[in-house]
Amino acid sequence: MALCNYLAFWFNRDPVAVDKVFRTSKLYRPKWDEKHFSNGDTYGQRTVQKALEAVPEGHSARSRSG
């Protein structure tokens, strides 16, 4: 989760980029693609979603505001 939060910030809350980069990390496991939720979401989809919710703005938004 911590890595996904970090990636969400640096990749400006882009869920596709967060997923793609996470898959290249040594933390990636096959569990990432397993369906774990009644709506059909995978473990990875839900983790990325939670990371995006936890990070209110991405890097570019922060650099513009300050």
PDB file of N, CA and C in Angstrom:
ATOM      1  N   MET A   1       0.824  -1.184   0.000  1.00  0.00           N
ATOM      2  CA  MET A   1       0.000   0.000   0.000  1.00  0.00           C
ATOM      3  C   MET A   1       0.869   1.249   0.000  1.00  0.00           C
ATOM      4  N   ALA A   2       1.931   1.235   0.789  1.00  0.00           N
ATOM      5  CA  ALA A   2       2.797   2.416   0.865  1.00  0.00           C
ATOM      6  C   ALA A   2       3.405   2.731  -0.498  1.00  0.00           C
ATOM      7  N   LEU A   3       3.843   1.708  -1.205  1.00  0.00           N
ATOM      8  CA  LEU A   3       4.411   1.944  -2.536  1.00  0.00           C
ATOM      9  C   LEU A   3       3.347   2.510  -3.471  1.00  0.00           C
ATOM     10  N   CYS A   4       2.155   1.995  -3.417  1.00  0.00           N
ATOM     11  CA  CYS A   4       1.076   2.507  -4.275  1.00  0.00           C
ATOM     12  C   CYS A   4       0.750   3.956  -3.944  1.00  0.00           C
ATOM     13  N   ASN A   5       0.778   4.328  -2.679  1.00  0.00           N
ATOM     14  CA  ASN A   5       0.553   5.726  -2.304  1.00  0.00           C
ATOM     15  C   ASN A   5       1.649   6.614  -2.897  1.00  0.00           C
ATOM     16  N   TYR A   6       2.865   6.179  -2.786  1.00  0.00           N
ATOM     17  CA  TYR A   6       4.010   6.911  -3.336  1.00  0.00           C
ATOM     18  C   TYR A   6       3.855   7.056  -4.853  1.00  0.00           C
ATOM     19  N   LEU A   7       3.517   5.964  -5.524  1.00  0.00           N
ATOM     20  CA  LEU A   7       3.352   6.004  -6.974  1.00  0.00           C
ATOM     21  C   LEU A   7       2.172   6.890  -7.378  1.00  0.00           C
ATOM     22  N   ALA A   8       1.103   6.851  -6.602  1.00  0.00           N
ATOM     23  CA  ALA A   8      -0.062   7.685  -6.906  1.00  0.00           C
ATOM     24  C   ALA A   8       0.326   9.163  -6.898  1.00  0.00           C
ATOM     25  N   PHE A   9       1.166   9.546  -5.958  1.00  0.00           N
ATOM     26  CA  PHE A   9       1.625  10.932  -5.914  1.00  0.00           C
ATOM     27  C   PHE A   9       2.502  11.258  -7.119  1.00  0.00           C
ATOM     28  N   TRP A  10       3.534  10.470  -7.356  1.00  0.00           N
ATOM     29  CA  TRP A  10       4.504  10.776  -8.401  1.00  0.00           C
ATOM     30  C   TRP A  10       3.967  10.601  -9.813  1.00  0.00           C
ATOM     31  N   PHE A  11       2.955   9.772  -9.979  1.00  0.00           N
ATOM     32  CA  PHE A  11       2.349   9.592 -11.298  1.00  0.00           C
ATOM     33  C   PHE A  11       1.010  10.314 -11.407  1.00  0.00           C
ATOM     34  N   ASN A  12       0.840  11.335 -10.589  1.00  0.00           N
ATOM     35  CA  ASN A  12      -0.313  12.237 -10.668  1.00  0.00           C
ATOM     36  C   ASN A  12      -1.653  11.515 -10.639  1.00  0.00           C
ATOM     37  N   ARG A  13      -1.738  10.510  -9.766  1.00  0.00           N
ATOM     38  CA  ARG A  13      -2.990   9.790  -9.519  1.00  0.00           C
ATOM     39  C   ARG A  13      -3.509   9.070 -10.757  1.00  0.00           C
ATOM     40  N   ASP A  14      -2.606   8.634 -11.617  1.00  0.00           N
ATOM     41  CA  ASP A  14      -2.979   7.883 -12.825  1.00  0.00           C
ATOM     42  C   ASP A  14      -3.011   6.399 -12.472  1.00  0.00           C
ATOM     43  N   PRO A  15      -4.203   5.787 -12.396  1.00  0.00           N
ATOM     44  CA  PRO A  15      -4.293   4.391 -11.957  1.00  0.00           C
ATOM     45  C   PRO A  15      -3.581   3.418 -12.891  1.00  0.00           C
ATOM     46  N   VAL A  16      -3.563   3.691 -14.177  1.00  0.00           N
ATOM     47  CA  VAL A  16      -2.883   2.804 -15.127  1.00  0.00           C
ATOM     48  C   VAL A  16      -1.377   2.833 -14.886  1.00  0.00           C
ATOM     49  N   ALA A  17      -0.832   4.016 -14.674  1.00  0.00           N
ATOM     50  CA  ALA A  17       0.605   4.148 -14.421  1.00  0.00           C
ATOM     51  C   ALA A  17       0.992   3.498 -13.096  1.00  0.00           C
ATOM     52  N   VAL A  18       0.177   3.712 -12.068  1.00  0.00           N
ATOM     53  CA  VAL A  18       0.463   3.110 -10.759  1.00  0.00           C
ATOM     54  C   VAL A  18       0.504   1.587 -10.888  1.00  0.00           C
ATOM     55  N   ASP A  19      -0.489   1.019 -11.550  1.00  0.00           N
ATOM     56  CA  ASP A  19      -0.540  -0.433 -11.737  1.00  0.00           C
ATOM     57  C   ASP A  19       0.668  -0.931 -12.531  1.00  0.00           C
ATOM     58  N   LYS A  20       0.974  -0.258 -13.614  1.00  0.00           N
ATOM     59  CA  LYS A  20       2.081  -0.678 -14.487  1.00  0.00           C
ATOM     60  C   LYS A  20       3.420  -0.663 -13.748  1.00  0.00           C
ATOM     61  N   VAL A  21       3.674   0.400 -13.010  1.00  0.00           N
ATOM     62  CA  VAL A  21       4.949   0.494 -12.294  1.00  0.00           C
ATOM     63  C   VAL A  21       4.988  -0.496 -11.134  1.00  0.00           C
ATOM     64  N   PHE A  22       3.871  -0.653 -10.420  1.00  0.00           N
ATOM     65  CA  PHE A  22       3.850  -1.616  -9.316  1.00  0.00           C
ATOM     66  C   PHE A  22       4.194  -3.019  -9.820  1.00  0.00           C
ATOM     67  N   ARG A  23       3.691  -3.369 -10.983  1.00  0.00           N
ATOM     68  CA  ARG A  23       3.955  -4.700 -11.543  1.00  0.00           C
ATOM     69  C   ARG A  23       5.440  -4.947 -11.815  1.00  0.00           C
ATOM     70  N   THR A  24       6.224  -3.886 -11.967  1.00  0.00           N
ATOM     71  CA  THR A  24       7.661  -4.052 -12.194  1.00  0.00           C
ATOM     72  C   THR A  24       8.446  -4.141 -10.895  1.00  0.00           C
ATOM     73  N   SER A  25       7.776  -3.909  -9.761  1.00  0.00           N
ATOM     74  CA  SER A  25       8.471  -3.928  -8.472  1.00  0.00           C
ATOM     75  C   SER A  25       8.621  -5.356  -7.958  1.00  0.00           C
ATOM     76  N   LYS A  26       9.503  -5.515  -7.017  1.00  0.00           N
ATOM     77  CA  LYS A  26       9.703  -6.825  -6.393  1.00  0.00           C
ATOM     78  C   LYS A  26       8.581  -7.153  -5.403  1.00  0.00           C
ATOM     79  N   LEU A  27       7.689  -6.215  -5.171  1.00  0.00           N
ATOM     80  CA  LEU A  27       6.543  -6.466  -4.291  1.00  0.00           C
ATOM     81  C   LEU A  27       5.385  -7.132  -5.026  1.00  0.00           C
ATOM     82  N   TYR A  28       5.425  -7.107  -6.346  1.00  0.00           N
ATOM     83  CA  TYR A  28       4.346  -7.706  -7.148  1.00  0.00           C
ATOM     84  C   TYR A  28       4.263  -9.208  -6.892  1.00  0.00           C
ATOM     85  N   ARG A  29       3.040  -9.689  -6.695  1.00  0.00           N
ATOM     86  CA  ARG A  29       2.766 -11.117  -6.521  1.00  0.00           C
ATOM     87  C   ARG A  29       1.556 -11.469  -7.381  1.00  0.00           C
ATOM     88  N   PRO A  30       1.395 -12.746  -7.739  1.00  0.00           N
ATOM     89  CA  PRO A  30       0.220 -13.163  -8.520  1.00  0.00           C
ATOM     90  C   PRO A  30      -1.109 -12.780  -7.857  1.00  0.00           C
ATOM     91  N   LYS A  31      -1.112 -12.642  -6.544  1.00  0.00           N
ATOM     92  CA  LYS A  31      -2.308 -12.235  -5.804  1.00  0.00           C
ATOM     93  C   LYS A  31      -2.871 -10.916  -6.352  1.00  0.00           C
ATOM     94  N   TRP A  32      -2.030 -10.082  -6.902  1.00  0.00           N
ATOM     95  CA  TRP A  32      -2.421  -8.779  -7.437  1.00  0.00           C
ATOM     96  C   TRP A  32      -3.574  -8.904  -8.445  1.00  0.00           C
ATOM     97  N   ASP A  33      -3.583  -9.988  -9.206  1.00  0.00           N
ATOM     98  CA  ASP A  33      -4.577 -10.176 -10.258  1.00  0.00           C
ATOM     99  C   ASP A  33      -5.741 -11.087  -9.865  1.00  0.00           C
ATOM    100  N   GLU A  34      -5.769 -11.534  -8.626  1.00  0.00           N
ATOM    101  CA  GLU A  34      -6.854 -12.411  -8.178  1.00  0.00           C
ATOM    102  C   GLU A  34      -8.065 -11.599  -7.744  1.00  0.00           C
ATOM    103  N   LYS A  35      -9.240 -12.071  -8.109  1.00  0.00           N
ATOM    104  CA  LYS A  35     -10.478 -11.420  -7.685  1.00  0.00           C
ATOM    105  C   LYS A  35     -10.708 -11.717  -6.214  1.00  0.00           C
ATOM    106  N   HIS A  36     -10.849 -10.665  -5.426  1.00  0.00           N
ATOM    107  CA  HIS A  36     -11.015 -10.802  -3.981  1.00  0.00           C
ATOM    108  C   HIS A  36     -12.297 -10.162  -3.475  1.00  0.00           C
ATOM    109  N   PHE A  37     -13.069  -9.538  -4.348  1.00  0.00           N
ATOM    110  CA  PHE A  37     -14.216  -8.773  -3.905  1.00  0.00           C
ATOM    111  C   PHE A  37     -15.465  -9.186  -4.675  1.00  0.00           C
ATOM    112  N   SER A  38     -16.609  -9.030  -4.047  1.00  0.00           N
ATOM    113  CA  SER A  38     -17.869  -9.500  -4.633  1.00  0.00           C
ATOM    114  C   SER A  38     -18.230  -8.781  -5.933  1.00  0.00           C
ATOM    115  N   ASN A  39     -17.699  -7.578  -6.138  1.00  0.00           N
ATOM    116  CA  ASN A  39     -17.997  -6.858  -7.382  1.00  0.00           C
ATOM    117  C   ASN A  39     -17.046  -7.236  -8.516  1.00  0.00           C
ATOM    118  N   GLY A  40     -16.131  -8.161  -8.258  1.00  0.00           N
ATOM    119  CA  GLY A  40     -15.202  -8.624  -9.280  1.00  0.00           C
ATOM    120  C   GLY A  40     -13.866  -7.911  -9.293  1.00  0.00           C
ATOM    121  N   ASP A  41     -13.690  -6.920  -8.424  1.00  0.00           N
ATOM    122  CA  ASP A  41     -12.402  -6.226  -8.362  1.00  0.00           C
ATOM    123  C   ASP A  41     -11.298  -7.180  -7.929  1.00  0.00           C
ATOM    124  N   THR A  42     -10.126  -6.949  -8.488  1.00  0.00           N
ATOM    125  CA  THR A  42      -8.962  -7.716  -8.066  1.00  0.00           C
ATOM    126  C   THR A  42      -8.315  -7.014  -6.876  1.00  0.00           C
ATOM    127  N   TYR A  43      -7.436  -7.730  -6.226  1.00  0.00           N
ATOM    128  CA  TYR A  43      -6.684  -7.164  -5.109  1.00  0.00           C
ATOM    129  C   TYR A  43      -5.924  -5.917  -5.565  1.00  0.00           C
ATOM    130  N   GLY A  44      -5.335  -5.975  -6.734  1.00  0.00           N
ATOM    131  CA  GLY A  44      -4.583  -4.840  -7.262  1.00  0.00           C
ATOM    132  C   GLY A  44      -5.463  -3.643  -7.567  1.00  0.00           C
ATOM    133  N   GLN A  45      -6.606  -3.872  -8.177  1.00  0.00           N
ATOM    134  CA  GLN A  45      -7.510  -2.767  -8.485  1.00  0.00           C
ATOM    135  C   GLN A  45      -7.938  -2.044  -7.216  1.00  0.00           C
ATOM    136  N   ARG A  46      -8.276  -2.801  -6.201  1.00  0.00           N
ATOM    137  CA  ARG A  46      -8.733  -2.189  -4.951  1.00  0.00           C
ATOM    138  C   ARG A  46      -7.587  -1.458  -4.256  1.00  0.00           C
ATOM    139  N   THR A  47      -6.393  -2.000  -4.311  1.00  0.00           N
ATOM    140  CA  THR A  47      -5.239  -1.347  -3.691  1.00  0.00           C
ATOM    141  C   THR A  47      -4.942  -0.020  -4.375  1.00  0.00           C
ATOM    142  N   VAL A  48      -4.959  -0.004  -5.702  1.00  0.00           N
ATOM    143  CA  VAL A  48      -4.717   1.234  -6.443  1.00  0.00           C
ATOM    144  C   VAL A  48      -5.819   2.242  -6.133  1.00  0.00           C
ATOM    145  N   GLN A  49      -7.054   1.797  -6.085  1.00  0.00           N
ATOM    146  CA  GLN A  49      -8.181   2.681  -5.777  1.00  0.00           C
ATOM    147  C   GLN A  49      -7.992   3.330  -4.408  1.00  0.00           C
ATOM    148  N   LYS A  50      -7.611   2.542  -3.409  1.00  0.00           N
ATOM    149  CA  LYS A  50      -7.396   3.079  -2.071  1.00  0.00           C
ATOM    150  C   LYS A  50      -6.236   4.069  -2.055  1.00  0.00           C
ATOM    151  N   ALA A  51      -5.195   3.795  -2.832  1.00  0.00           N
ATOM    152  CA  ALA A  51      -4.055   4.714  -2.904  1.00  0.00           C
ATOM    153  C   ALA A  51      -4.482   6.046  -3.509  1.00  0.00           C
ATOM    154  N   LEU A  52      -5.291   6.003  -4.549  1.00  0.00           N
ATOM    155  CA  LEU A  52      -5.754   7.240  -5.176  1.00  0.00           C
ATOM    156  C   LEU A  52      -6.620   8.045  -4.216  1.00  0.00           C
ATOM    157  N   GLU A  53      -7.405   7.357  -3.397  1.00  0.00           N
ATOM    158  CA  GLU A  53      -8.247   8.043  -2.410  1.00  0.00           C
ATOM    159  C   GLU A  53      -7.406   8.655  -1.292  1.00  0.00           C
ATOM    160  N   ALA A  54      -6.287   8.017  -0.962  1.00  0.00           N
ATOM    161  CA  ALA A  54      -5.433   8.476   0.126  1.00  0.00           C
ATOM    162  C   ALA A  54      -4.541   9.654  -0.269  1.00  0.00           C
ATOM    163  N   VAL A  55      -4.313   9.825  -1.563  1.00  0.00           N
ATOM    164  CA  VAL A  55      -3.438  10.886  -2.051  1.00  0.00           C
ATOM    165  C   VAL A  55      -4.320  11.940  -2.732  1.00  0.00           C
ATOM    166  N   PRO A  56      -4.548  13.079  -2.062  1.00  0.00           N
ATOM    167  CA  PRO A  56      -5.493  14.054  -2.591  1.00  0.00           C
ATOM    168  C   PRO A  56      -5.043  14.756  -3.872  1.00  0.00           C
ATOM    169  N   GLU A  57      -3.739  14.869  -4.090  1.00  0.00           N
ATOM    170  CA  GLU A  57      -3.264  15.502  -5.317  1.00  0.00           C
ATOM    171  C   GLU A  57      -1.930  14.884  -5.721  1.00  0.00           C
ATOM    172  N   GLY A  58      -1.665  14.949  -7.001  1.00  0.00           N
ATOM    173  CA  GLY A  58      -0.419  14.401  -7.520  1.00  0.00           C
ATOM    174  C   GLY A  58       0.699  15.422  -7.510  1.00  0.00           C
ATOM    175  N   HIS A  59       1.848  15.000  -7.955  1.00  0.00           N
ATOM    176  CA  HIS A  59       3.046  15.835  -7.950  1.00  0.00           C
ATOM    177  C   HIS A  59       2.861  17.120  -8.736  1.00  0.00           C
ATOM    178  N   SER A  60       2.307  17.040  -9.931  1.00  0.00           N
ATOM    179  CA  SER A  60       2.186  18.250 -10.746  1.00  0.00           C
ATOM    180  C   SER A  60       1.232  19.261 -10.119  1.00  0.00           C
ATOM    181  N   ALA A  61       0.189  18.799  -9.451  1.00  0.00           N
ATOM    182  CA  ALA A  61      -0.746  19.708  -8.791  1.00  0.00           C
ATOM    183  C   ALA A  61      -0.057  20.427  -7.641  1.00  0.00           C
ATOM    184  N   ARG A  62       0.758  19.725  -6.915  1.00  0.00           N
ATOM    185  CA  ARG A  62       1.459  20.334  -5.785  1.00  0.00           C
ATOM    186  C   ARG A  62       2.476  21.348  -6.279  1.00  0.00           C
ATOM    187  N   SER A  63       3.197  21.039  -7.357  1.00  0.00           N
ATOM    188  CA  SER A  63       4.216  21.967  -7.837  1.00  0.00           C
ATOM    189  C   SER A  63       3.585  23.232  -8.409  1.00  0.00           C
ATOM    190  N   ARG A  64       2.368  23.145  -8.936  1.00  0.00           N
ATOM    191  CA  ARG A  64       1.674  24.330  -9.461  1.00  0.00           C
ATOM    192  C   ARG A  64       1.183  25.224  -8.336  1.00  0.00           C
ATOM    193  N   SER A  65       0.785  24.611  -7.208  1.00  0.00           N
ATOM    194  CA  SER A  65       0.173  25.397  -6.143  1.00  0.00           C
ATOM    195  C   SER A  65       1.192  26.033  -5.209  1.00  0.00           C
ATOM    196  N   GLY A  66       2.415  25.627  -5.278  1.00  0.00           N
ATOM    197  CA  GLY A  66       3.306  26.158  -4.284  1.00  0.00           C
ATOM    198  C   GLY A  66       4.595  26.550  -4.803  1.00  0.00           C
TER     199      GLY A  66
END
